[in-house]
C-alpha atoms as a PDB file:
ATOM      1  CA  MET A   1     -42.749 -33.716  31.206  1.00  0.00           C
ATOM      2  CA  LYS A   2     -42.884 -33.089  27.458  1.00  0.00           C
ATOM      3  CA  GLU A   3     -43.353 -29.355  28.054  1.00  0.00           C
ATOM      4  CA  LYS A   4     -40.290 -29.282  30.327  1.00  0.00           C
ATOM      5  CA  LEU A   5     -38.188 -31.069  27.717  1.00  0.00           C
ATOM      6  CA  LEU A   6     -39.404 -28.672  25.002  1.00  0.00           C
ATOM      7  CA  ARG A   7     -38.564 -25.628  27.147  1.00  0.00           C
ATOM      8  CA  LEU A   8     -35.138 -27.100  27.891  1.00  0.00           C
ATOM      9  CA  ALA A   9     -34.500 -27.747  24.182  1.00  0.00           C
ATOM     10  CA  LEU A  10     -35.545 -24.215  23.260  1.00  0.00           C
ATOM     11  CA  THR A  11     -33.365 -22.766  26.017  1.00  0.00           C
ATOM     12  CA  LEU A  12     -30.352 -24.736  24.843  1.00  0.00           C
ATOM     13  CA  LEU A  13     -31.006 -23.703  21.221  1.00  0.00           C
ATOM     14  CA  LEU A  14     -31.267 -20.053  22.232  1.00  0.00           C
ATOM     15  CA  ALA A  15     -28.081 -20.300  24.272  1.00  0.00           C
ATOM     16  CA  ALA A  16     -26.246 -21.922  21.382  1.00  0.00           C
ATOM     17  CA  THR A  17     -27.505 -19.247  18.976  1.00  0.00           C
ATOM     18  CA  VAL A  18     -26.509 -16.384  21.268  1.00  0.00           C
ATOM     19  CA  GLY A  19     -23.167 -18.026  21.949  1.00  0.00           C
ATOM     20  CA  GLY A  20     -22.579 -18.442  18.232  1.00  0.00           C
ATOM     21  CA  ILE A  21     -23.405 -14.789  17.543  1.00  0.00           C
ATOM     22  CA  ILE A  22     -21.069 -13.656  20.307  1.00  0.00           C
ATOM     23  CA  GLU A  23     -18.305 -15.861  18.917  1.00  0.00           C
ATOM     24  CA  VAL A  24     -18.784 -14.467  15.377  1.00  0.00           C
ATOM     25  CA  ILE A  25     -18.606 -10.886  16.698  1.00  0.00           C
ATOM     26  CA  ALA A  26     -15.529 -11.652  18.807  1.00  0.00           C
ATOM     27  CA  LEU A  27     -13.697 -13.324  15.915  1.00  0.00           C
ATOM     28  CA  SER A  28     -14.613 -10.464  13.578  1.00  0.00           C
ATOM     29  CA  TYR A  29     -13.321  -7.890  16.048  1.00  0.00           C
ATOM     30  CA  THR A  30     -10.062  -9.794  16.545  1.00  0.00           C
ATOM     31  CA  ALA A  31      -9.566 -10.194  12.795  1.00  0.00           C
ATOM     32  CA  ALA A  32     -10.170  -6.492  12.180  1.00  0.00           C
ATOM     33  CA  SER A  33      -7.712  -5.575  14.940  1.00  0.00           C
ATOM     34  CA  LYS A  34      -5.017  -7.803  13.455  1.00  0.00           C
ATOM     35  CA  LEU A  35      -5.628  -6.354   9.999  1.00  0.00           C
ATOM     36  CA  LEU A  36      -5.239  -2.777  11.215  1.00  0.00           C
ATOM     37  CA  ARG A  37      -2.304  -3.558  13.490  1.00  0.00           C
ATOM     38  CA  PRO A  38       0.027  -5.925  11.626  1.00  0.00           C
ATOM     39  CA  THR A  39       2.987  -7.349  13.483  1.00  0.00           C
ATOM     40  CA  ARG A  40       5.840  -4.858  13.273  1.00  0.00           C
ATOM     41  CA  ARG A  41       8.883  -6.157  11.474  1.00  0.00           C
ATOM     42  CA  ILE A  42      12.047  -4.101  11.767  1.00  0.00           C
ATOM     43  CA  SER A  43      14.304  -4.376   8.746  1.00  0.00           C
ATOM     44  CA  GLU A  44      17.323  -6.602   9.327  1.00  0.00           C
ATOM     45  CA  VAL A  45      19.146  -5.124   6.330  1.00  0.00           C
ATOM     46  CA  ALA A  46      20.237  -1.584   5.486  1.00  0.00           C
ATOM     47  CA  PRO A  47      21.092   0.177   2.203  1.00  0.00           C
ATOM     48  CA  SER A  48      24.795  -0.213   2.995  1.00  0.00           C
ATOM     49  CA  ASP A  49      24.373  -3.996   2.734  1.00  0.00           C
ATOM     50  CA  LEU A  50      23.673  -3.428  -0.959  1.00  0.00           C
ATOM     51  CA  GLY A  51      26.511  -0.963  -1.343  1.00  0.00           C
ATOM     52  CA  MET A  52      24.425   2.200  -1.062  1.00  0.00           C
ATOM     53  CA  PRO A  53      25.257   5.235   1.086  1.00  0.00           C
ATOM     54  CA  TYR A  54      22.312   6.464   3.138  1.00  0.00           C
ATOM     55  CA  GLU A  55      21.045   8.725   5.886  1.00  0.00           C
ATOM     56  CA  ASN A  56      18.528   7.912   8.599  1.00  0.00           C
ATOM     57  CA  VAL A  57      15.921  10.657   8.332  1.00  0.00           C
ATOM     58  CA  THR A  58      12.706  11.444  10.180  1.00  0.00           C
ATOM     59  CA  PHE A  59       9.740  13.603   9.264  1.00  0.00           C
ATOM     60  CA  HIS A  60       6.243  13.987  10.657  1.00  0.00           C
ATOM     61  CA  GLY A  61       3.315  12.688   8.648  1.00  0.00           C
ATOM     62  CA  GLU A  62      -0.441  13.111   8.936  1.00  0.00           C
ATOM     63  CA  ASN A  63      -1.645  13.635  12.524  1.00  0.00           C
ATOM     64  CA  ASN A  64       1.995  14.322  13.464  1.00  0.00           C
ATOM     65  CA  VAL A  65       2.897  10.620  13.227  1.00  0.00           C
ATOM     66  CA  VAL A  66       6.671  10.071  13.179  1.00  0.00           C
ATOM     67  CA  ILE A  67       7.828   8.542   9.880  1.00  0.00           C
ATOM     68  CA  ARG A  68      11.307   7.013  10.013  1.00  0.00           C
ATOM     69  CA  SER A  69      13.006   6.650   6.653  1.00  0.00           C
ATOM     70  CA  TRP A  70      16.191   6.104   4.707  1.00  0.00           C
ATOM     71  CA  PHE A  71      17.452   8.648   2.197  1.00  0.00           C
ATOM     72  CA  ILE A  72      19.845   7.316  -0.447  1.00  0.00           C
ATOM     73  CA  PRO A  73      21.509  10.225  -2.279  1.00  0.00           C
ATOM     74  CA  GLY A  74      21.857  10.042  -6.069  1.00  0.00           C
ATOM     75  CA  TYR A  75      23.508  12.444  -8.480  1.00  0.00           C
ATOM     76  CA  THR A  76      20.791  13.516 -10.946  1.00  0.00           C
ATOM     77  CA  GLY A  77      18.752  15.764  -8.659  1.00  0.00           C
ATOM     78  CA  ALA A  78      15.713  13.537  -9.221  1.00  0.00           C
ATOM     79  CA  SER A  79      14.310  11.555  -6.297  1.00  0.00           C
ATOM     80  CA  ILE A  80      11.855   8.681  -5.883  1.00  0.00           C
ATOM     81  CA  ILE A  81       9.704   7.950  -2.828  1.00  0.00           C
ATOM     82  CA  LEU A  82       9.545   4.163  -2.539  1.00  0.00           C
ATOM     83  CA  LEU A  83       6.532   2.693  -0.701  1.00  0.00           C
ATOM     84  CA  HIS A  84       6.389  -0.861   0.664  1.00  0.00           C
ATOM     85  CA  GLY A  85       3.315  -3.050   1.020  1.00  0.00           C
ATOM     86  CA  TYR A  86       1.090  -4.106   3.898  1.00  0.00           C
ATOM     87  CA  GLY A  87       2.770  -5.591   6.967  1.00  0.00           C
ATOM     88  CA  SER A  88       6.250  -5.021   5.588  1.00  0.00           C
ATOM     89  CA  ASN A  89       9.013  -2.455   6.061  1.00  0.00           C
ATOM     90  CA  LYS A  90      11.480  -0.299   4.169  1.00  0.00           C
ATOM     91  CA  GLY A  91      14.024  -3.099   3.926  1.00  0.00           C
ATOM     92  CA  SER A  92      11.661  -5.223   1.836  1.00  0.00           C
ATOM     93  CA  ILE A  93      12.100  -3.050  -1.262  1.00  0.00           C
ATOM     94  CA  LEU A  94      15.817  -2.314  -1.092  1.00  0.00           C
ATOM     95  CA  GLU A  95      16.490  -4.254  -4.287  1.00  0.00           C
ATOM     96  CA  ILE A  96      14.219  -1.875  -6.186  1.00  0.00           C
ATOM     97  CA  ALA A  97      15.961   1.079  -4.556  1.00  0.00           C
ATOM     98  CA  GLU A  98      19.327  -0.361  -5.587  1.00  0.00           C
ATOM     99  CA  PHE A  99      18.663  -0.322  -9.328  1.00  0.00           C
ATOM    100  CA  LEU A 100      17.018   3.113  -9.184  1.00  0.00           C
ATOM    101  CA  TRP A 101      20.131   4.447  -7.473  1.00  0.00           C
ATOM    102  CA  ASN A 102      22.830   2.385  -9.165  1.00  0.00           C
ATOM    103  CA  ARG A 103      21.559   2.365 -12.737  1.00  0.00           C
ATOM    104  CA  GLY A 104      19.502   5.559 -12.728  1.00  0.00           C
ATOM    105  CA  GLY A 105      21.454   7.881 -10.447  1.00  0.00           C
ATOM    106  CA  LEU A 106      18.194   8.644  -8.654  1.00  0.00           C
ATOM    107  CA  SER A 107      17.967   9.559  -4.991  1.00  0.00           C
ATOM    108  CA  VAL A 108      15.545   7.340  -3.075  1.00  0.00           C
ATOM    109  CA  LEU A 109      13.508   8.080   0.041  1.00  0.00           C
ATOM    110  CA  ILE A 110      12.201   4.875   1.662  1.00  0.00           C
ATOM    111  CA  PRO A 111       9.860   5.360   4.615  1.00  0.00           C
ATOM    112  CA  ASP A 112       8.550   2.791   7.011  1.00  0.00           C
ATOM    113  CA  MET A 113       4.835   3.431   6.555  1.00  0.00           C
ATOM    114  CA  ARG A 114       2.795   4.294   9.649  1.00  0.00           C
ATOM    115  CA  ALA A 115       2.239   1.408  12.078  1.00  0.00           C
ATOM    116  CA  SER A 116       5.047  -0.451  10.299  1.00  0.00           C
ATOM    117  CA  GLY A 117       8.749  -0.949  10.933  1.00  0.00           C
ATOM    118  CA  GLU A 118      10.189   1.831  13.077  1.00  0.00           C
ATOM    119  CA  SER A 119       7.586   4.488  12.303  1.00  0.00           C
ATOM    120  CA  GLY A 120       4.924   5.689  14.693  1.00  0.00           C
ATOM    121  CA  GLY A 121       1.186   5.213  14.498  1.00  0.00           C
ATOM    122  CA  ASP A 122      -1.127   2.673  16.071  1.00  0.00           C
ATOM    123  CA  LEU A 123      -2.921   1.401  12.985  1.00  0.00           C
ATOM    124  CA  ILE A 124      -2.827   1.427   9.217  1.00  0.00           C
ATOM    125  CA  THR A 125      -5.593   3.062   7.174  1.00  0.00           C
ATOM    126  CA  ALA A 126      -4.755   1.590   3.730  1.00  0.00           C
ATOM    127  CA  GLY A 127      -4.115   5.013   2.260  1.00  0.00           C
ATOM    128  CA  TYR A 128      -6.502   7.376   4.013  1.00  0.00           C
ATOM    129  CA  TYR A 129      -3.841   8.931   6.264  1.00  0.00           C
ATOM    130  CA  GLU A 130      -0.826   7.398   4.530  1.00  0.00           C
ATOM    131  CA  ARG A 131      -1.326   9.666   1.512  1.00  0.00           C
ATOM    132  CA  GLY A 132      -0.746  12.609   3.857  1.00  0.00           C
ATOM    133  CA  ASP A 133       2.399  10.905   5.136  1.00  0.00           C
ATOM    134  CA  VAL A 134       3.678  10.711   1.548  1.00  0.00           C
ATOM    135  CA  GLN A 135       2.860  14.367   0.994  1.00  0.00           C
ATOM    136  CA  GLN A 136       5.029  15.223   3.981  1.00  0.00           C
ATOM    137  CA  GLY A 137       7.746  13.063   2.436  1.00  0.00           C
ATOM    138  CA  VAL A 138       7.518  15.309  -0.624  1.00  0.00           C
ATOM    139  CA  ARG A 139       7.881  18.367   1.632  1.00  0.00           C
ATOM    140  CA  TYR A 140      10.974  16.795   3.168  1.00  0.00           C
ATOM    141  CA  LEU A 141      12.555  16.170  -0.242  1.00  0.00           C
ATOM    142  CA  GLN A 142      11.714  19.681  -1.400  1.00  0.00           C
ATOM    143  CA  SER A 143      13.613  21.029   1.606  1.00  0.00           C
ATOM    144  CA  ARG A 144      16.865  19.314   0.569  1.00  0.00           C
ATOM    145  CA  LYS A 145      19.406  21.231  -1.489  1.00  0.00           C
ATOM    146  CA  ASP A 146      20.484  18.064  -3.300  1.00  0.00           C
ATOM    147  CA  VAL A 147      16.958  17.348  -4.614  1.00  0.00           C
ATOM    148  CA  ASP A 148      15.340  19.155  -7.543  1.00  0.00           C
ATOM    149  CA  PRO A 149      11.810  19.925  -6.261  1.00  0.00           C
ATOM    150  CA  ASP A 150      10.433  19.532  -9.796  1.00  0.00           C
ATOM    151  CA  LYS A 151      11.843  16.016 -10.189  1.00  0.00           C
ATOM    152  CA  ILE A 152      10.101  13.938  -7.526  1.00  0.00           C
ATOM    153  CA  GLY A 153       8.409  10.634  -8.376  1.00  0.00           C
ATOM    154  CA  VAL A 154       6.827   7.822  -6.401  1.00  0.00           C
ATOM    155  CA  LEU A 155       6.852   4.043  -6.775  1.00  0.00           C
ATOM    156  CA  GLY A 156       4.656   1.827  -4.605  1.00  0.00           C
ATOM    157  CA  VAL A 157       4.041  -1.911  -4.394  1.00  0.00           C
ATOM    158  CA  SER A 158       0.712  -3.487  -3.331  1.00  0.00           C
ATOM    159  CA  MET A 159      -0.816  -1.251  -0.646  1.00  0.00           C
ATOM    160  CA  GLY A 160       2.057   1.127  -1.337  1.00  0.00           C
ATOM    161  CA  ALA A 161       0.883   1.306  -4.961  1.00  0.00           C
ATOM    162  CA  SER A 162      -2.605   2.409  -3.982  1.00  0.00           C
ATOM    163  CA  ILE A 163      -1.138   4.895  -1.517  1.00  0.00           C
ATOM    164  CA  ALA A 164       1.029   6.256  -4.345  1.00  0.00           C
ATOM    165  CA  VAL A 165      -2.061   6.835  -6.503  1.00  0.00           C
ATOM    166  CA  LEU A 166      -3.997   8.472  -3.668  1.00  0.00           C
ATOM    167  CA  ALA A 167      -1.063  10.710  -2.714  1.00  0.00           C
ATOM    168  CA  ALA A 168      -0.284  11.799  -6.275  1.00  0.00           C
ATOM    169  CA  ALA A 169      -3.933  12.678  -6.863  1.00  0.00           C
ATOM    170  CA  ARG A 170      -3.615  15.315  -4.123  1.00  0.00           C
ATOM    171  CA  GLU A 171       0.059  16.244  -4.362  1.00  0.00           C
ATOM    172  CA  GLU A 172       1.198  18.056  -7.501  1.00  0.00           C
ATOM    173  CA  GLY A 173       4.770  17.912  -6.246  1.00  0.00           C
ATOM    174  CA  ILE A 174       4.729  14.264  -7.359  1.00  0.00           C
ATOM    175  CA  LYS A 175       5.637  14.420 -11.050  1.00  0.00           C
ATOM    176  CA  ALA A 176       5.533  10.723 -12.036  1.00  0.00           C
ATOM    177  CA  VAL A 177       3.856   7.626 -10.550  1.00  0.00           C
ATOM    178  CA  VAL A 178       4.583   3.892 -10.774  1.00  0.00           C
ATOM    179  CA  ALA A 179       1.942   1.694  -9.117  1.00  0.00           C
ATOM    180  CA  ASP A 180       2.821  -2.005  -8.903  1.00  0.00           C
ATOM    181  CA  SER A 181      -0.131  -4.270  -7.979  1.00  0.00           C
ATOM    182  CA  PRO A 182      -2.587  -1.603  -6.749  1.00  0.00           C
ATOM    183  CA  PHE A 183      -6.182  -2.188  -5.661  1.00  0.00           C
ATOM    184  CA  ARG A 184      -9.002  -0.012  -6.967  1.00  0.00           C
ATOM    185  CA  SER A 185     -10.608   0.369  -3.527  1.00  0.00           C
ATOM    186  CA  VAL A 186     -10.395  -1.131  -0.059  1.00  0.00           C
ATOM    187  CA  SER A 187     -13.967  -2.375  -0.469  1.00  0.00           C
ATOM    188  CA  ASP A 188     -12.982  -4.331  -3.569  1.00  0.00           C
ATOM    189  CA  LEU A 189      -9.831  -5.629  -1.885  1.00  0.00           C
ATOM    190  CA  LEU A 190     -11.863  -7.043   0.991  1.00  0.00           C
ATOM    191  CA  TYR A 191     -14.476  -8.463  -1.382  1.00  0.00           C
ATOM    192  CA  HIS A 192     -11.915 -10.330  -3.517  1.00  0.00           C
ATOM    193  CA  SER A 193      -9.565 -11.389  -0.735  1.00  0.00           C
ATOM    194  CA  PHE A 194     -11.560 -11.571   2.489  1.00  0.00           C
ATOM    195  CA  GLU A 195     -10.528 -15.112   3.402  1.00  0.00           C
ATOM    196  CA  ALA A 196      -6.846 -14.508   2.566  1.00  0.00           C
ATOM    197  CA  ILE A 197      -6.731 -11.269   4.573  1.00  0.00           C
ATOM    198  CA  PHE A 198      -8.828 -12.209   7.605  1.00  0.00           C
ATOM    199  CA  GLY A 199      -8.383 -15.978   7.671  1.00  0.00           C
ATOM    200  CA  LEU A 200     -12.153 -16.373   7.985  1.00  0.00           C
ATOM    201  CA  PRO A 201     -14.910 -17.433   5.567  1.00  0.00           C
ATOM    202  CA  ARG A 202     -16.787 -14.530   3.991  1.00  0.00           C
ATOM    203  CA  PHE A 203     -20.067 -15.755   5.474  1.00  0.00           C
ATOM    204  CA  PRO A 204     -21.029 -14.849   8.144  1.00  0.00           C
ATOM    205  CA  PHE A 205     -17.992 -12.689   8.953  1.00  0.00           C
ATOM    206  CA  GLU A 206     -17.589 -10.230   6.058  1.00  0.00           C
ATOM    207  CA  ARG A 207     -20.133  -7.539   6.951  1.00  0.00           C
ATOM    208  CA  ILE A 208     -19.308  -7.677  10.645  1.00  0.00           C
ATOM    209  CA  ALA A 209     -15.533  -7.519  10.089  1.00  0.00           C
ATOM    210  CA  VAL A 210     -15.850  -4.547   7.722  1.00  0.00           C
ATOM    211  CA  PHE A 211     -18.046  -2.831  10.308  1.00  0.00           C
ATOM    212  CA  MET A 212     -15.393  -3.485  12.950  1.00  0.00           C
ATOM    213  CA  VAL A 213     -12.690  -2.018  10.677  1.00  0.00           C
ATOM    214  CA  GLU A 214     -14.743   1.141  10.239  1.00  0.00           C
ATOM    215  CA  ARG A 215     -15.446   1.406  13.954  1.00  0.00           C
ATOM    216  CA  GLN A 216     -11.786   1.012  14.914  1.00  0.00           C
ATOM    217  CA  THR A 217     -10.496   3.489  12.320  1.00  0.00           C
ATOM    218  CA  GLY A 218     -13.388   5.905  12.453  1.00  0.00           C
ATOM    219  CA  LEU A 219     -13.232   5.924   8.645  1.00  0.00           C
ATOM    220  CA  PRO A 220     -15.720   4.752   6.018  1.00  0.00           C
ATOM    221  CA  ILE A 221     -14.182   1.982   3.913  1.00  0.00           C
ATOM    222  CA  ASN A 222     -15.680   3.470   0.742  1.00  0.00           C
ATOM    223  CA  ALA A 223     -13.649   6.652   1.284  1.00  0.00           C
ATOM    224  CA  ILE A 224     -10.418   4.799   0.423  1.00  0.00           C
ATOM    225  CA  ALA A 225     -10.735   4.294  -3.326  1.00  0.00           C
ATOM    226  CA  SER A 226      -7.958   4.818  -5.872  1.00  0.00           C
ATOM    227  CA  ILE A 227     -10.477   4.354  -8.671  1.00  0.00           C
ATOM    228  CA  HIS A 228     -12.114   7.672  -7.759  1.00  0.00           C
ATOM    229  CA  GLU A 229      -8.794   9.544  -7.543  1.00  0.00           C
ATOM    230  CA  VAL A 230      -6.605   8.190 -10.338  1.00  0.00           C
ATOM    231  CA  ALA A 231      -7.877  10.602 -13.012  1.00  0.00           C
ATOM    232  CA  LYS A 232      -6.575  13.531 -10.942  1.00  0.00           C
ATOM    233  CA  ILE A 233      -2.966  12.473 -11.602  1.00  0.00           C
ATOM    234  CA  SER A 234      -3.176  13.545 -15.258  1.00  0.00           C
ATOM    235  CA  PRO A 235      -1.420  15.319 -16.975  1.00  0.00           C
ATOM    236  CA  ARG A 236       1.373  13.809 -14.887  1.00  0.00           C
ATOM    237  CA  PRO A 237       2.375  10.322 -16.125  1.00  0.00           C
ATOM    238  CA  LEU A 238       1.267   7.014 -14.598  1.00  0.00           C
ATOM    239  CA  LEU A 239       2.697   3.518 -15.091  1.00  0.00           C
ATOM    240  CA  LEU A 240       0.588   0.613 -13.797  1.00  0.00           C
ATOM    241  CA  ILE A 241       2.190  -2.823 -13.334  1.00  0.00           C
ATOM    242  CA  HIS A 242       0.345  -6.008 -12.399  1.00  0.00           C
ATOM    243  CA  GLY A 243       0.903  -9.759 -12.430  1.00  0.00           C
ATOM    244  CA  SER A 244      -1.447 -11.824 -14.588  1.00  0.00           C
ATOM    245  CA  ASP A 245      -1.624 -14.519 -11.884  1.00  0.00           C
ATOM    246  CA  ASP A 246      -2.267 -12.231  -8.908  1.00  0.00           C
ATOM    247  CA  SER A 247      -4.712 -14.127  -6.689  1.00  0.00           C
ATOM    248  CA  LEU A 248      -4.883 -11.462  -3.973  1.00  0.00           C
ATOM    249  CA  ILE A 249      -5.626  -8.414  -6.131  1.00  0.00           C
ATOM    250  CA  PRO A 250      -6.790  -9.484  -9.607  1.00  0.00           C
ATOM    251  CA  SER A 251      -5.088  -7.783 -12.560  1.00  0.00           C
ATOM    252  CA  GLU A 252      -8.526  -6.490 -13.563  1.00  0.00           C
ATOM    253  CA  GLU A 253      -8.080  -3.928 -10.792  1.00  0.00           C
ATOM    254  CA  SER A 254      -5.211  -2.301 -12.711  1.00  0.00           C
ATOM    255  CA  LEU A 255      -7.146  -2.583 -15.977  1.00  0.00           C
ATOM    256  CA  GLU A 256      -9.982  -0.581 -14.435  1.00  0.00           C
ATOM    257  CA  LEU A 257      -7.585   1.969 -12.948  1.00  0.00           C
ATOM    258  CA  PHE A 258      -5.943   2.312 -16.361  1.00  0.00           C
ATOM    259  CA  ALA A 259      -9.313   2.888 -18.028  1.00  0.00           C
ATOM    260  CA  SER A 260     -10.158   5.602 -15.482  1.00  0.00           C
ATOM    261  CA  ALA A 261      -6.765   7.349 -15.609  1.00  0.00           C
ATOM    262  CA  GLY A 262      -5.999  10.277 -17.874  1.00  0.00           C
ATOM    263  CA  GLU A 263      -3.090  10.541 -20.271  1.00  0.00           C
ATOM    264  CA  PRO A 264      -0.184   9.971 -20.296  1.00  0.00           C
ATOM    265  CA  LYS A 265      -0.497   6.441 -18.947  1.00  0.00           C
ATOM    266  CA  GLU A 266       1.021   3.003 -19.455  1.00  0.00           C
ATOM    267  CA  LEU A 267      -0.031  -0.494 -18.404  1.00  0.00           C
ATOM    268  CA  TRP A 268       2.219  -3.558 -18.149  1.00  0.00           C
ATOM    269  CA  ILE A 269       0.687  -6.943 -17.292  1.00  0.00           C
ATOM    270  CA  VAL A 270       3.465  -9.381 -16.382  1.00  0.00           C
ATOM    271  CA  GLU A 271       2.594 -12.894 -17.471  1.00  0.00           C
ATOM    272  CA  GLY A 272       2.981 -15.557 -14.791  1.00  0.00           C
ATOM    273  CA  ALA A 273       3.560 -13.112 -11.947  1.00  0.00           C
ATOM    274  CA  GLY A 274       1.615 -13.338  -8.697  1.00  0.00           C
ATOM    275  CA  HIS A 275       0.941 -10.522  -6.266  1.00  0.00           C
ATOM    276  CA  GLY A 276       3.840  -8.062  -6.178  1.00  0.00           C
ATOM    277  CA  GLU A 277       6.064 -10.543  -8.047  1.00  0.00           C
ATOM    278  CA  ALA A 278       6.636  -8.668 -11.326  1.00  0.00           C
ATOM    279  CA  PHE A 279      10.111  -7.517 -10.242  1.00  0.00           C
ATOM    280  CA  PHE A 280      11.177 -11.075  -9.422  1.00  0.00           C
ATOM    281  CA  VAL A 281       9.546 -12.786 -12.417  1.00  0.00           C
ATOM    282  CA  ASP A 282      11.040 -10.455 -15.034  1.00  0.00           C
ATOM    283  CA  ARG A 283      13.635  -8.360 -13.254  1.00  0.00           C
ATOM    284  CA  ALA A 284      15.477  -7.174 -16.374  1.00  0.00           C
ATOM    285  CA  GLN A 285      12.311  -5.941 -18.058  1.00  0.00           C
ATOM    286  CA  TYR A 286      11.044  -4.434 -14.804  1.00  0.00           C
ATOM    287  CA  GLU A 287      14.193  -2.385 -14.423  1.00  0.00           C
ATOM    288  CA  GLU A 288      14.087  -1.248 -18.047  1.00  0.00           C
ATOM    289  CA  LYS A 289      10.405  -0.281 -17.846  1.00  0.00           C
ATOM    290  CA  VAL A 290      10.666   1.611 -14.582  1.00  0.00           C
ATOM    291  CA  LEU A 291      13.983   3.318 -15.297  1.00  0.00           C
ATOM    292  CA  GLY A 292      12.852   4.267 -18.789  1.00  0.00           C
ATOM    293  CA  PHE A 293       9.643   5.728 -17.369  1.00  0.00           C
ATOM    294  CA  PHE A 294      11.374   7.838 -14.727  1.00  0.00           C
ATOM    295  CA  LYS A 295      14.159   8.957 -17.058  1.00  0.00           C
ATOM    296  CA  THR A 296      11.632  10.060 -19.660  1.00  0.00           C
ATOM    297  CA  HIS A 297       9.425  11.977 -17.259  1.00  0.00           C
ATOM    298  CA  LEU A 298      11.884  13.222 -14.638  1.00  0.00           C
ATOM    299  CA  LEU A 299      15.246  13.563 -16.376  1.00  0.00           C
ATOM    300  CA  ASP A 300      14.662  14.335 -20.072  1.00  0.00           C
END
């Protein structure tokens, strides 16, 4: 009788253990899928709502993915590619576009990044393929008669900031870079912010979820690292912006990117700002910093 009870207890324990492992794997797979395929949000506003003229334009990015964008024509010949963050869309950064256009006379190209908004693509790759999408955005701008091909800059926020760094490292057609709240690598991003991103505790899910991300993308996470690319931007100028109170991507990430970057470079830590909040916490100074940077390096 005792032997039967012991066998039953062991069987139940084994079943519970196997069931628990299966549940951990299933949750990790679901979390990775949601991370790579954020809910698409189509912008409910357009540049005209902020008084800006614009064109709907389309170009093909990496792997022939369709990238749907807005082009806001300025009058200086200089143009900025404006990159939104994870899970967002081109409408989310229209206020930044407005001051670049209104106060700076700059043209602005705002794409919906792949797997976001109205653009094509099944999943995001946090910069691996998106940098190629930005390079094709540069090709598009260079094809326009109203854009000076030697006066193209890029400004990105959050994931868009890291994409900006990765793209500029490979694309010499980008003459000036502003990166607002970038991460040094996807590995570091997941390490610092696993629970916020996946909604799961780091243990026991972290290693399995990262493995699932790599399996679904076919890409090694370590291959997406701004810290290894940022030095290639020099001698073109770089401005890094970060909030001191960023709990998603610590400001130390920008400090390390700054240390690794070549000259000319600038770093602005915005006191009291959380993730991607520098523009809203100190809008006047943000506009002065960014406009001054682009005017100095694209217009003077």
